Amino acid sequence: VILLGLLLGLAGCDGSSYTKKGLQWSYDGTPFKPEDPKTFRALDK
């Protein structure tokens, strides 16, 4: 069950170009600052 959950989690992230490192969000490697970082989330790629 745990492995399945991890795989599903990876599948959900795959296809999105948004990444977060620490407190910094990036799109395709280019940093940007959301207006509300605490509630920011990717919807798709």
PDB file of all heavy atoms in Angstrom:
ATOM      1  N   VAL A   1       0.838  -1.209   0.000  1.00  0.00           N
ATOM      2  CA  VAL A   1       0.000   0.000   0.000  1.00  0.00           C
ATOM      3  C   VAL A   1       0.864   1.247   0.000  1.00  0.00           C
ATOM      4  O   VAL A   1       0.606   2.222  -0.713  1.00  0.00           O
ATOM      5  CB  VAL A   1      -0.950  -0.014   1.215  1.00  0.00           C
ATOM      6  CG1 VAL A   1      -1.643   1.340   1.365  1.00  0.00           C
ATOM      7  CG2 VAL A   1      -1.975  -1.124   1.068  1.00  0.00           C
ATOM      8  N   ILE A   2       1.953   1.216   0.819  1.00  0.00           N
ATOM      9  CA  ILE A   2       2.849   2.371   0.877  1.00  0.00           C
ATOM     10  C   ILE A   2       3.533   2.600  -0.465  1.00  0.00           C
ATOM     11  O   ILE A   2       3.623   3.727  -0.961  1.00  0.00           O
ATOM     12  CB  ILE A   2       3.896   2.164   1.998  1.00  0.00           C
ATOM     13  CG1 ILE A   2       3.214   2.187   3.366  1.00  0.00           C
ATOM     14  CG2 ILE A   2       4.978   3.237   1.925  1.00  0.00           C
ATOM     15  CD1 ILE A   2       4.133   1.802   4.515  1.00  0.00           C
ATOM     16  N   LEU A   3       4.010   1.510  -1.077  1.00  0.00           N
ATOM     17  CA  LEU A   3       4.671   1.628  -2.385  1.00  0.00           C
ATOM     18  C   LEU A   3       3.704   2.154  -3.437  1.00  0.00           C
ATOM     19  O   LEU A   3       4.068   2.995  -4.274  1.00  0.00           O
ATOM     20  CB  LEU A   3       5.219   0.264  -2.807  1.00  0.00           C
ATOM     21  CG  LEU A   3       6.442  -0.237  -2.025  1.00  0.00           C
ATOM     22  CD1 LEU A   3       6.789  -1.657  -2.455  1.00  0.00           C
ATOM     23  CD2 LEU A   3       7.634   0.690  -2.264  1.00  0.00           C
ATOM     24  N   LEU A   4       2.460   1.670  -3.418  1.00  0.00           N
ATOM     25  CA  LEU A   4       1.465   2.153  -4.361  1.00  0.00           C
ATOM     26  C   LEU A   4       1.210   3.632  -4.176  1.00  0.00           C
ATOM     27  O   LEU A   4       1.101   4.399  -5.134  1.00  0.00           O
ATOM     28  CB  LEU A   4       0.163   1.361  -4.203  1.00  0.00           C
ATOM     29  CG  LEU A   4      -0.995   1.753  -5.134  1.00  0.00           C
ATOM     30  CD1 LEU A   4      -0.574   1.556  -6.588  1.00  0.00           C
ATOM     31  CD2 LEU A   4      -2.232   0.924  -4.828  1.00  0.00           C
ATOM     32  N   GLY A   5       1.147   4.074  -2.917  1.00  0.00           N
ATOM     33  CA  GLY A   5       0.939   5.494  -2.650  1.00  0.00           C
ATOM     34  C   GLY A   5       2.078   6.335  -3.172  1.00  0.00           C
ATOM     35  O   GLY A   5       1.873   7.419  -3.735  1.00  0.00           O
ATOM     36  N   LEU A   6       3.311   5.833  -2.998  1.00  0.00           N
ATOM     37  CA  LEU A   6       4.462   6.572  -3.508  1.00  0.00           C
ATOM     38  C   LEU A   6       4.436   6.674  -5.015  1.00  0.00           C
ATOM     39  O   LEU A   6       4.728   7.723  -5.603  1.00  0.00           O
ATOM     40  CB  LEU A   6       5.758   5.881  -3.041  1.00  0.00           C
ATOM     41  CG  LEU A   6       6.077   5.989  -1.543  1.00  0.00           C
ATOM     42  CD1 LEU A   6       7.271   5.104  -1.199  1.00  0.00           C
ATOM     43  CD2 LEU A   6       6.351   7.440  -1.168  1.00  0.00           C
ATOM     44  N   LEU A   7       4.076   5.566  -5.677  1.00  0.00           N
ATOM     45  CA  LEU A   7       4.008   5.576  -7.142  1.00  0.00           C
ATOM     46  C   LEU A   7       2.952   6.537  -7.637  1.00  0.00           C
ATOM     47  O   LEU A   7       3.151   7.277  -8.614  1.00  0.00           O
ATOM     48  CB  LEU A   7       3.724   4.162  -7.653  1.00  0.00           C
ATOM     49  CG  LEU A   7       4.875   3.161  -7.524  1.00  0.00           C
ATOM     50  CD1 LEU A   7       4.409   1.757  -7.888  1.00  0.00           C
ATOM     51  CD2 LEU A   7       6.045   3.584  -8.423  1.00  0.00           C
ATOM     52  N   LEU A   8       1.810   6.552  -6.990  1.00  0.00           N
ATOM     53  CA  LEU A   8       0.751   7.483  -7.390  1.00  0.00           C
ATOM     54  C   LEU A   8       1.181   8.915  -7.170  1.00  0.00           C
ATOM     55  O   LEU A   8       0.882   9.811  -7.959  1.00  0.00           O
ATOM     56  CB  LEU A   8      -0.537   7.176  -6.609  1.00  0.00           C
ATOM     57  CG  LEU A   8      -1.259   5.883  -6.989  1.00  0.00           C
ATOM     58  CD1 LEU A   8      -2.423   5.626  -6.034  1.00  0.00           C
ATOM     59  CD2 LEU A   8      -1.748   5.925  -8.431  1.00  0.00           C
ATOM     60  N   GLY A   9       1.902   9.146  -6.089  1.00  0.00           N
ATOM     61  CA  GLY A   9       2.393  10.491  -5.825  1.00  0.00           C
ATOM     62  C   GLY A   9       3.362  10.952  -6.881  1.00  0.00           C
ATOM     63  O   GLY A   9       3.311  12.085  -7.353  1.00  0.00           O
ATOM     64  N   LEU A  10       4.253  10.040  -7.306  1.00  0.00           N
ATOM     65  CA  LEU A  10       5.198  10.388  -8.365  1.00  0.00           C
ATOM     66  C   LEU A  10       4.483  10.630  -9.675  1.00  0.00           C
ATOM     67  O   LEU A  10       4.815  11.536 -10.435  1.00  0.00           O
ATOM     68  CB  LEU A  10       6.224   9.242  -8.527  1.00  0.00           C
ATOM     69  CG  LEU A  10       7.226   9.095  -7.371  1.00  0.00           C
ATOM     70  CD1 LEU A  10       8.050   7.833  -7.569  1.00  0.00           C
ATOM     71  CD2 LEU A  10       8.129  10.325  -7.282  1.00  0.00           C
ATOM     72  N   ALA A  11       3.474   9.818  -9.962  1.00  0.00           N
ATOM     73  CA  ALA A  11       2.720  10.000 -11.207  1.00  0.00           C
ATOM     74  C   ALA A  11       2.020  11.340 -11.210  1.00  0.00           C
ATOM     75  O   ALA A  11       1.906  12.009 -12.242  1.00  0.00           O
ATOM     76  CB  ALA A  11       1.699   8.870 -11.359  1.00  0.00           C
ATOM     77  N   GLY A  12       1.532  11.784 -10.023  1.00  0.00           N
ATOM     78  CA  GLY A  12       0.858  13.070  -9.960  1.00  0.00           C
ATOM     79  C   GLY A  12       1.798  14.218 -10.216  1.00  0.00           C
ATOM     80  O   GLY A  12       1.425  15.243 -10.769  1.00  0.00           O
ATOM     81  N   CYS A  13       3.079  14.074  -9.802  1.00  0.00           N
ATOM     82  CA  CYS A  13       4.042  15.144 -10.006  1.00  0.00           C
ATOM     83  C   CYS A  13       4.578  15.164 -11.434  1.00  0.00           C
ATOM     84  O   CYS A  13       4.963  16.195 -11.955  1.00  0.00           O
ATOM     85  CB  CYS A  13       5.204  14.987  -9.030  1.00  0.00           C
ATOM     86  SG  CYS A  13       4.731  15.240  -7.293  1.00  0.00           S
ATOM     87  N   ASP A  14       4.637  13.967 -12.046  1.00  0.00           N
ATOM     88  CA  ASP A  14       5.168  13.882 -13.404  1.00  0.00           C
ATOM     89  C   ASP A  14       4.278  14.680 -14.344  1.00  0.00           C
ATOM     90  O   ASP A  14       3.063  14.596 -14.285  1.00  0.00           O
ATOM     91  CB  ASP A  14       5.214  12.421 -13.848  1.00  0.00           C
ATOM     92  CG  ASP A  14       5.893  12.276 -15.184  1.00  0.00           C
ATOM     93  OD1 ASP A  14       6.879  12.995 -15.421  1.00  0.00           O
ATOM     94  OD2 ASP A  14       5.430  11.452 -15.991  1.00  0.00           O
ATOM     95  N   GLY A  15       4.827  15.436 -15.231  1.00  0.00           N
ATOM     96  CA  GLY A  15       4.041  16.244 -16.154  1.00  0.00           C
ATOM     97  C   GLY A  15       3.912  17.675 -15.690  1.00  0.00           C
ATOM     98  O   GLY A  15       3.453  18.524 -16.433  1.00  0.00           O
ATOM     99  N   SER A  16       4.275  17.983 -14.440  1.00  0.00           N
ATOM    100  CA  SER A  16       4.261  19.359 -13.966  1.00  0.00           C
ATOM    101  C   SER A  16       5.660  19.931 -14.052  1.00  0.00           C
ATOM    102  O   SER A  16       6.636  19.298 -13.653  1.00  0.00           O
ATOM    103  CB  SER A  16       3.769  19.423 -12.523  1.00  0.00           C
ATOM    104  OG  SER A  16       3.891  20.742 -12.026  1.00  0.00           O
ATOM    105  N   SER A  17       5.774  21.155 -14.564  1.00  0.00           N
ATOM    106  CA  SER A  17       7.068  21.815 -14.663  1.00  0.00           C
ATOM    107  C   SER A  17       7.334  22.708 -13.456  1.00  0.00           C
ATOM    108  O   SER A  17       8.327  23.421 -13.426  1.00  0.00           O
ATOM    109  CB  SER A  17       7.125  22.645 -15.947  1.00  0.00           C
ATOM    110  OG  SER A  17       7.024  21.801 -17.079  1.00  0.00           O
ATOM    111  N   TYR A  18       6.425  22.690 -12.494  1.00  0.00           N
ATOM    112  CA  TYR A  18       6.590  23.483 -11.280  1.00  0.00           C
ATOM    113  C   TYR A  18       7.368  22.670 -10.235  1.00  0.00           C
ATOM    114  O   TYR A  18       7.029  21.511  -9.962  1.00  0.00           O
ATOM    115  CB  TYR A  18       5.235  23.882 -10.707  1.00  0.00           C
ATOM    116  CG  TYR A  18       4.495  24.891 -11.544  1.00  0.00           C
ATOM    117  CD1 TYR A  18       3.561  24.481 -12.492  1.00  0.00           C
ATOM    118  CD2 TYR A  18       4.723  26.249 -11.392  1.00  0.00           C
ATOM    119  CE1 TYR A  18       2.880  25.410 -13.266  1.00  0.00           C
ATOM    120  CE2 TYR A  18       4.037  27.185 -12.159  1.00  0.00           C
ATOM    121  CZ  TYR A  18       3.118  26.755 -13.099  1.00  0.00           C
ATOM    122  OH  TYR A  18       2.454  27.670 -13.866  1.00  0.00           O
ATOM    123  N   THR A  19       8.379  23.258  -9.657  1.00  0.00           N
ATOM    124  CA  THR A  19       9.160  22.597  -8.619  1.00  0.00           C
ATOM    125  C   THR A  19       9.393  23.565  -7.463  1.00  0.00           C
ATOM    126  O   THR A  19       9.397  24.780  -7.639  1.00  0.00           O
ATOM    127  CB  THR A  19      10.521  22.115  -9.153  1.00  0.00           C
ATOM    128  OG1 THR A  19      11.233  23.231  -9.730  1.00  0.00           O
ATOM    129  CG2 THR A  19      10.339  21.043 -10.223  1.00  0.00           C
ATOM    130  N   LYS A  20       9.595  22.993  -6.281  1.00  0.00           N
ATOM    131  CA  LYS A  20       9.837  23.795  -5.093  1.00  0.00           C
ATOM    132  C   LYS A  20      11.104  23.302  -4.406  1.00  0.00           C
ATOM    133  O   LYS A  20      11.270  22.103  -4.171  1.00  0.00           O
ATOM    134  CB  LYS A  20       8.656  23.713  -4.137  1.00  0.00           C
ATOM    135  CG  LYS A  20       8.788  24.622  -2.921  1.00  0.00           C
ATOM    136  CD  LYS A  20       7.580  24.466  -2.003  1.00  0.00           C
ATOM    137  CE  LYS A  20       7.666  25.398  -0.797  1.00  0.00           C
ATOM    138  NZ  LYS A  20       6.524  25.201   0.125  1.00  0.00           N
ATOM    139  N   LYS A  21      11.990  24.213  -4.114  1.00  0.00           N
ATOM    140  CA  LYS A  21      13.210  23.893  -3.380  1.00  0.00           C
ATOM    141  C   LYS A  21      13.302  24.845  -2.201  1.00  0.00           C
ATOM    142  O   LYS A  21      13.488  26.058  -2.373  1.00  0.00           O
ATOM    143  CB  LYS A  21      14.435  24.033  -4.281  1.00  0.00           C
ATOM    144  CG  LYS A  21      15.718  23.559  -3.626  1.00  0.00           C
ATOM    145  CD  LYS A  21      16.882  23.598  -4.599  1.00  0.00           C
ATOM    146  CE  LYS A  21      18.152  23.076  -3.937  1.00  0.00           C
ATOM    147  NZ  LYS A  21      19.307  23.099  -4.894  1.00  0.00           N
ATOM    148  N   GLY A  22      13.150  24.282  -1.020  1.00  0.00           N
ATOM    149  CA  GLY A  22      13.065  25.142   0.159  1.00  0.00           C
ATOM    150  C   GLY A  22      11.800  25.970   0.103  1.00  0.00           C
ATOM    151  O   GLY A  22      10.700  25.435   0.017  1.00  0.00           O
ATOM    152  N   LEU A  23      11.946  27.291   0.113  1.00  0.00           N
ATOM    153  CA  LEU A  23      10.789  28.185   0.006  1.00  0.00           C
ATOM    154  C   LEU A  23      10.634  28.773  -1.392  1.00  0.00           C
ATOM    155  O   LEU A  23       9.743  29.579  -1.637  1.00  0.00           O
ATOM    156  CB  LEU A  23      10.934  29.332   1.023  1.00  0.00           C
ATOM    157  CG  LEU A  23      10.982  28.911   2.487  1.00  0.00           C
ATOM    158  CD1 LEU A  23      11.202  30.138   3.380  1.00  0.00           C
ATOM    159  CD2 LEU A  23       9.714  28.172   2.904  1.00  0.00           C
ATOM    160  N   GLN A  24      11.501  28.354  -2.337  1.00  0.00           N
ATOM    161  CA  GLN A  24      11.530  28.952  -3.671  1.00  0.00           C
ATOM    162  C   GLN A  24      10.816  28.072  -4.701  1.00  0.00           C
ATOM    163  O   GLN A  24      11.138  26.911  -4.885  1.00  0.00           O
ATOM    164  CB  GLN A  24      12.979  29.166  -4.132  1.00  0.00           C
ATOM    165  CG  GLN A  24      13.124  29.747  -5.530  1.00  0.00           C
ATOM    166  CD  GLN A  24      12.575  31.153  -5.609  1.00  0.00           C
ATOM    167  OE1 GLN A  24      13.099  32.055  -4.982  1.00  0.00           O
ATOM    168  NE2 GLN A  24      11.507  31.344  -6.381  1.00  0.00           N
ATOM    169  N   TRP A  25       9.819  28.659  -5.390  1.00  0.00           N
ATOM    170  CA  TRP A  25       9.140  27.986  -6.498  1.00  0.00           C
ATOM    171  C   TRP A  25       9.825  28.344  -7.818  1.00  0.00           C
ATOM    172  O   TRP A  25      10.302  29.475  -8.002  1.00  0.00           O
ATOM    173  CB  TRP A  25       7.679  28.411  -6.566  1.00  0.00           C
ATOM    174  CG  TRP A  25       6.800  27.691  -5.588  1.00  0.00           C
ATOM    175  CD1 TRP A  25       6.382  28.134  -4.366  1.00  0.00           C
ATOM    176  CD2 TRP A  25       6.227  26.390  -5.765  1.00  0.00           C
ATOM    177  NE1 TRP A  25       5.592  27.196  -3.759  1.00  0.00           N
ATOM    178  CE2 TRP A  25       5.474  26.108  -4.599  1.00  0.00           C
ATOM    179  CE3 TRP A  25       6.271  25.438  -6.789  1.00  0.00           C
ATOM    180  CZ2 TRP A  25       4.779  24.919  -4.434  1.00  0.00           C
ATOM    181  CZ3 TRP A  25       5.573  24.244  -6.627  1.00  0.00           C
ATOM    182  CH2 TRP A  25       4.836  23.995  -5.455  1.00  0.00           C
ATOM    183  N   SER A  26       9.858  27.364  -8.726  1.00  0.00           N
ATOM    184  CA  SER A  26      10.412  27.584 -10.063  1.00  0.00           C
ATOM    185  C   SER A  26       9.506  26.942 -11.102  1.00  0.00           C
ATOM    186  O   SER A  26       8.782  25.975 -10.807  1.00  0.00           O
ATOM    187  CB  SER A  26      11.816  26.987 -10.191  1.00  0.00           C
ATOM    188  OG  SER A  26      12.710  27.581  -9.287  1.00  0.00           O
ATOM    189  N   TYR A  27       9.552  27.502 -12.315  1.00  0.00           N
ATOM    190  CA  TYR A  27       8.884  26.874 -13.455  1.00  0.00           C
ATOM    191  C   TYR A  27       9.948  26.606 -14.514  1.00  0.00           C
ATOM    192  O   TYR A  27      10.615  27.529 -14.981  1.00  0.00           O
ATOM    193  CB  TYR A  27       7.786  27.769 -14.043  1.00  0.00           C
ATOM    194  CG  TYR A  27       7.158  27.151 -15.281  1.00  0.00           C
ATOM    195  CD1 TYR A  27       6.147  26.209 -15.162  1.00  0.00           C
ATOM    196  CD2 TYR A  27       7.620  27.475 -16.557  1.00  0.00           C
ATOM    197  CE1 TYR A  27       5.593  25.614 -16.280  1.00  0.00           C
ATOM    198  CE2 TYR A  27       7.072  26.882 -17.681  1.00  0.00           C
ATOM    199  CZ  TYR A  27       6.063  25.945 -17.542  1.00  0.00           C
ATOM    200  OH  TYR A  27       5.525  25.347 -18.652  1.00  0.00           O
ATOM    201  N   ASP A  28      10.121  25.346 -14.879  1.00  0.00           N
ATOM    202  CA  ASP A  28      11.167  24.953 -15.832  1.00  0.00           C
ATOM    203  C   ASP A  28      12.530  25.518 -15.444  1.00  0.00           C
ATOM    204  O   ASP A  28      13.312  25.958 -16.283  1.00  0.00           O
ATOM    205  CB  ASP A  28      10.804  25.406 -17.248  1.00  0.00           C
ATOM    206  CG  ASP A  28      10.133  24.297 -18.046  1.00  0.00           C
ATOM    207  OD1 ASP A  28      10.014  23.177 -17.509  1.00  0.00           O
ATOM    208  OD2 ASP A  28       9.738  24.548 -19.189  1.00  0.00           O
ATOM    209  N   GLY A  29      12.788  25.557 -14.135  1.00  0.00           N
ATOM    210  CA  GLY A  29      14.078  26.019 -13.654  1.00  0.00           C
ATOM    211  C   GLY A  29      14.199  27.513 -13.432  1.00  0.00           C
ATOM    212  O   GLY A  29      15.208  27.984 -12.917  1.00  0.00           O
ATOM    213  N   THR A  30      13.177  28.285 -13.838  1.00  0.00           N
ATOM    214  CA  THR A  30      13.206  29.737 -13.657  1.00  0.00           C
ATOM    215  C   THR A  30      12.434  30.115 -12.392  1.00  0.00           C
ATOM    216  O   THR A  30      11.227  29.862 -12.304  1.00  0.00           O
ATOM    217  CB  THR A  30      12.583  30.458 -14.863  1.00  0.00           C
ATOM    218  OG1 THR A  30      13.310  30.110 -16.044  1.00  0.00           O
ATOM    219  CG2 THR A  30      12.617  31.967 -14.669  1.00  0.00           C
ATOM    220  N   PRO A  31      13.091  30.724 -11.416  1.00  0.00           N
ATOM    221  CA  PRO A  31      12.415  31.060 -10.153  1.00  0.00           C
ATOM    222  C   PRO A  31      11.333  32.133 -10.355  1.00  0.00           C
ATOM    223  O   PRO A  31      11.451  33.011 -11.211  1.00  0.00           O
ATOM    224  CB  PRO A  31      13.553  31.602  -9.280  1.00  0.00           C
ATOM    225  CG  PRO A  31      14.804  31.093  -9.896  1.00  0.00           C
ATOM    226  CD  PRO A  31      14.522  31.035 -11.372  1.00  0.00           C
ATOM    227  N   PHE A  32      10.295  32.058  -9.580  1.00  0.00           N
ATOM    228  CA  PHE A  32       9.258  33.098  -9.541  1.00  0.00           C
ATOM    229  C   PHE A  32       8.653  33.091  -8.146  1.00  0.00           C
ATOM    230  O   PHE A  32       8.813  32.129  -7.385  1.00  0.00           O
ATOM    231  CB  PHE A  32       8.192  32.879 -10.608  1.00  0.00           C
ATOM    232  CG  PHE A  32       7.297  31.712 -10.329  1.00  0.00           C
ATOM    233  CD1 PHE A  32       6.070  31.875  -9.706  1.00  0.00           C
ATOM    234  CD2 PHE A  32       7.686  30.414 -10.681  1.00  0.00           C
ATOM    235  CE1 PHE A  32       5.247  30.790  -9.433  1.00  0.00           C
ATOM    236  CE2 PHE A  32       6.872  29.323 -10.413  1.00  0.00           C
ATOM    237  CZ  PHE A  32       5.644  29.512  -9.794  1.00  0.00           C
ATOM    238  N   LYS A  33       7.954  34.164  -7.819  1.00  0.00           N
ATOM    239  CA  LYS A  33       7.374  34.283  -6.483  1.00  0.00           C
ATOM    240  C   LYS A  33       5.848  34.352  -6.577  1.00  0.00           C
ATOM    241  O   LYS A  33       5.291  35.327  -7.083  1.00  0.00           O
ATOM    242  CB  LYS A  33       7.900  35.533  -5.777  1.00  0.00           C
ATOM    243  CG  LYS A  33       7.426  35.636  -4.324  1.00  0.00           C
ATOM    244  CD  LYS A  33       8.042  36.842  -3.632  1.00  0.00           C
ATOM    245  CE  LYS A  33       7.588  36.927  -2.183  1.00  0.00           C
ATOM    246  NZ  LYS A  33       8.174  38.094  -1.474  1.00  0.00           N
ATOM    247  N   PRO A  34       5.135  33.344  -6.101  1.00  0.00           N
ATOM    248  CA  PRO A  34       3.666  33.416  -6.061  1.00  0.00           C
ATOM    249  C   PRO A  34       3.210  34.518  -5.106  1.00  0.00           C
ATOM    250  O   PRO A  34       3.925  34.899  -4.182  1.00  0.00           O
ATOM    251  CB  PRO A  34       3.267  32.034  -5.524  1.00  0.00           C
ATOM    252  CG  PRO A  34       4.466  31.164  -5.708  1.00  0.00           C
ATOM    253  CD  PRO A  34       5.651  32.069  -5.593  1.00  0.00           C
ATOM    254  N   GLU A  35       2.008  35.006  -5.328  1.00  0.00           N
ATOM    255  CA  GLU A  35       1.481  36.034  -4.438  1.00  0.00           C
ATOM    256  C   GLU A  35       1.193  35.474  -3.047  1.00  0.00           C
ATOM    257  O   GLU A  35       1.294  36.180  -2.048  1.00  0.00           O
ATOM    258  CB  GLU A  35       0.220  36.661  -5.040  1.00  0.00           C
ATOM    259  CG  GLU A  35       0.507  37.506  -6.271  1.00  0.00           C
ATOM    260  CD  GLU A  35      -0.651  38.420  -6.625  1.00  0.00           C
ATOM    261  OE1 GLU A  35      -1.470  38.732  -5.740  1.00  0.00           O
ATOM    262  OE2 GLU A  35      -0.723  38.826  -7.803  1.00  0.00           O
ATOM    263  N   ASP A  36       0.809  34.203  -3.017  1.00  0.00           N
ATOM    264  CA  ASP A  36       0.548  33.565  -1.723  1.00  0.00           C
ATOM    265  C   ASP A  36       1.236  32.193  -1.711  1.00  0.00           C
ATOM    266  O   ASP A  36       0.613  31.175  -1.983  1.00  0.00           O
ATOM    267  CB  ASP A  36      -0.951  33.411  -1.498  1.00  0.00           C
ATOM    268  CG  ASP A  36      -1.283  32.901  -0.097  1.00  0.00           C
ATOM    269  OD1 ASP A  36      -0.344  32.718   0.701  1.00  0.00           O
ATOM    270  OD2 ASP A  36      -2.456  32.658   0.183  1.00  0.00           O
ATOM    271  N   PRO A  37       2.523  32.153  -1.414  1.00  0.00           N
ATOM    272  CA  PRO A  37       3.280  30.900  -1.483  1.00  0.00           C
ATOM    273  C   PRO A  37       2.690  29.772  -0.632  1.00  0.00           C
ATOM    274  O   PRO A  37       2.812  28.591  -0.998  1.00  0.00           O
ATOM    275  CB  PRO A  37       4.670  31.297  -0.974  1.00  0.00           C
ATOM    276  CG  PRO A  37       4.758  32.770  -1.223  1.00  0.00           C
ATOM    277  CD  PRO A  37       3.376  33.283  -1.016  1.00  0.00           C
ATOM    278  N   LYS A  38       2.057  30.096   0.485  1.00  0.00           N
ATOM    279  CA  LYS A  38       1.546  29.057   1.369  1.00  0.00           C
ATOM    280  C   LYS A  38       0.434  28.237   0.723  1.00  0.00           C
ATOM    281  O   LYS A  38       0.254  27.056   1.058  1.00  0.00           O
ATOM    282  CB  LYS A  38       1.039  29.689   2.671  1.00  0.00           C
ATOM    283  CG  LYS A  38       2.149  30.264   3.542  1.00  0.00           C
ATOM    284  CD  LYS A  38       1.576  30.810   4.836  1.00  0.00           C
ATOM    285  CE  LYS A  38       2.687  31.371   5.728  1.00  0.00           C
ATOM    286  NZ  LYS A  38       2.157  31.919   7.006  1.00  0.00           N
ATOM    287  N   THR A  39      -0.349  28.856  -0.174  1.00  0.00           N
ATOM    288  CA  THR A  39      -1.467  28.130  -0.797  1.00  0.00           C
ATOM    289  C   THR A  39      -1.184  27.754  -2.248  1.00  0.00           C
ATOM    290  O   THR A  39      -2.040  27.191  -2.919  1.00  0.00           O
ATOM    291  CB  THR A  39      -2.747  28.985  -0.751  1.00  0.00           C
ATOM    292  OG1 THR A  39      -2.521  30.221  -1.473  1.00  0.00           O
ATOM    293  CG2 THR A  39      -3.142  29.295   0.683  1.00  0.00           C
ATOM    294  N   PHE A  40       0.020  28.037  -2.713  1.00  0.00           N
ATOM    295  CA  PHE A  40       0.341  27.779  -4.127  1.00  0.00           C
ATOM    296  C   PHE A  40       0.398  26.276  -4.403  1.00  0.00           C
ATOM    297  O   PHE A  40       0.973  25.499  -3.642  1.00  0.00           O
ATOM    298  CB  PHE A  40       1.685  28.410  -4.482  1.00  0.00           C
ATOM    299  CG  PHE A  40       2.041  28.256  -5.944  1.00  0.00           C
ATOM    300  CD1 PHE A  40       1.603  29.178  -6.867  1.00  0.00           C
ATOM    301  CD2 PHE A  40       2.811  27.174  -6.372  1.00  0.00           C
ATOM    302  CE1 PHE A  40       1.926  29.039  -8.212  1.00  0.00           C
ATOM    303  CE2 PHE A  40       3.137  27.022  -7.715  1.00  0.00           C
ATOM    304  CZ  PHE A  40       2.689  27.956  -8.630  1.00  0.00           C
ATOM    305  N   ARG A  41      -0.194  25.893  -5.550  1.00  0.00           N
ATOM    306  CA  ARG A  41      -0.078  24.502  -6.006  1.00  0.00           C
ATOM    307  C   ARG A  41      -0.212  24.433  -7.520  1.00  0.00           C
ATOM    308  O   ARG A  41      -0.922  25.231  -8.142  1.00  0.00           O
ATOM    309  CB  ARG A  41      -1.119  23.609  -5.344  1.00  0.00           C
ATOM    310  CG  ARG A  41      -2.561  23.863  -5.759  1.00  0.00           C
ATOM    311  CD  ARG A  41      -3.481  22.945  -4.971  1.00  0.00           C
ATOM    312  NE  ARG A  41      -4.880  23.092  -5.333  1.00  0.00           N
ATOM    313  CZ  ARG A  41      -5.487  22.364  -6.266  1.00  0.00           C
ATOM    314  NH1 ARG A  41      -4.808  21.446  -6.941  1.00  0.00           N
ATOM    315  NH2 ARG A  41      -6.768  22.539  -6.523  1.00  0.00           N
ATOM    316  N   ALA A  42       0.484  23.473  -8.113  1.00  0.00           N
ATOM    317  CA  ALA A  42       0.395  23.257  -9.559  1.00  0.00           C
ATOM    318  C   ALA A  42      -0.899  22.529  -9.898  1.00  0.00           C
ATOM    319  O   ALA A  42      -1.329  21.626  -9.176  1.00  0.00           O
ATOM    320  CB  ALA A  42       1.592  22.441 -10.039  1.00  0.00           C
ATOM    321  N   LEU A  43      -1.525  22.930 -11.007  1.00  0.00           N
ATOM    322  CA  LEU A  43      -2.730  22.259 -11.478  1.00  0.00           C
ATOM    323  C   LEU A  43      -2.410  21.239 -12.568  1.00  0.00           C
ATOM    324  O   LEU A  43      -3.076  20.215 -12.678  1.00  0.00           O
ATOM    325  CB  LEU A  43      -3.725  23.292 -12.011  1.00  0.00           C
ATOM    326  CG  LEU A  43      -4.213  24.329 -11.002  1.00  0.00           C
ATOM    327  CD1 LEU A  43      -5.120  25.343 -11.681  1.00  0.00           C
ATOM    328  CD2 LEU A  43      -4.940  23.642  -9.842  1.00  0.00           C
ATOM    329  N   ASP A  44      -1.440  21.544 -13.390  1.00  0.00           N
ATOM    330  CA  ASP A  44      -0.970  20.632 -14.428  1.00  0.00           C
ATOM    331  C   ASP A  44       0.421  21.094 -14.845  1.00  0.00           C
ATOM    332  O   ASP A  44       1.100  21.794 -14.085  1.00  0.00           O
ATOM    333  CB  ASP A  44      -1.942  20.560 -15.616  1.00  0.00           C
ATOM    334  CG  ASP A  44      -2.118  21.889 -16.344  1.00  0.00           C
ATOM    335  OD1 ASP A  44      -1.373  22.854 -16.036  1.00  0.00           O
ATOM    336  OD2 ASP A  44      -2.988  21.980 -17.219  1.00  0.00           O
ATOM    337  N   LYS A  45       0.858  20.741 -16.026  1.00  0.00           N
ATOM    338  CA  LYS A  45       2.202  21.085 -16.475  1.00  0.00           C
ATOM    339  C   LYS A  45       2.430  22.586 -16.572  1.00  0.00           C
ATOM    340  O   LYS A  45       3.528  23.087 -16.304  1.00  0.00           O
ATOM    341  CB  LYS A  45       2.480  20.424 -17.820  1.00  0.00           C
ATOM    342  CG  LYS A  45       3.898  20.618 -18.339  1.00  0.00           C
ATOM    343  CD  LYS A  45       4.103  19.848 -19.621  1.00  0.00           C
ATOM    344  CE  LYS A  45       5.529  20.011 -20.130  1.00  0.00           C
ATOM    345  NZ  LYS A  45       5.757  19.258 -21.384  1.00  0.00           N
TER     346      LYS A  45
END
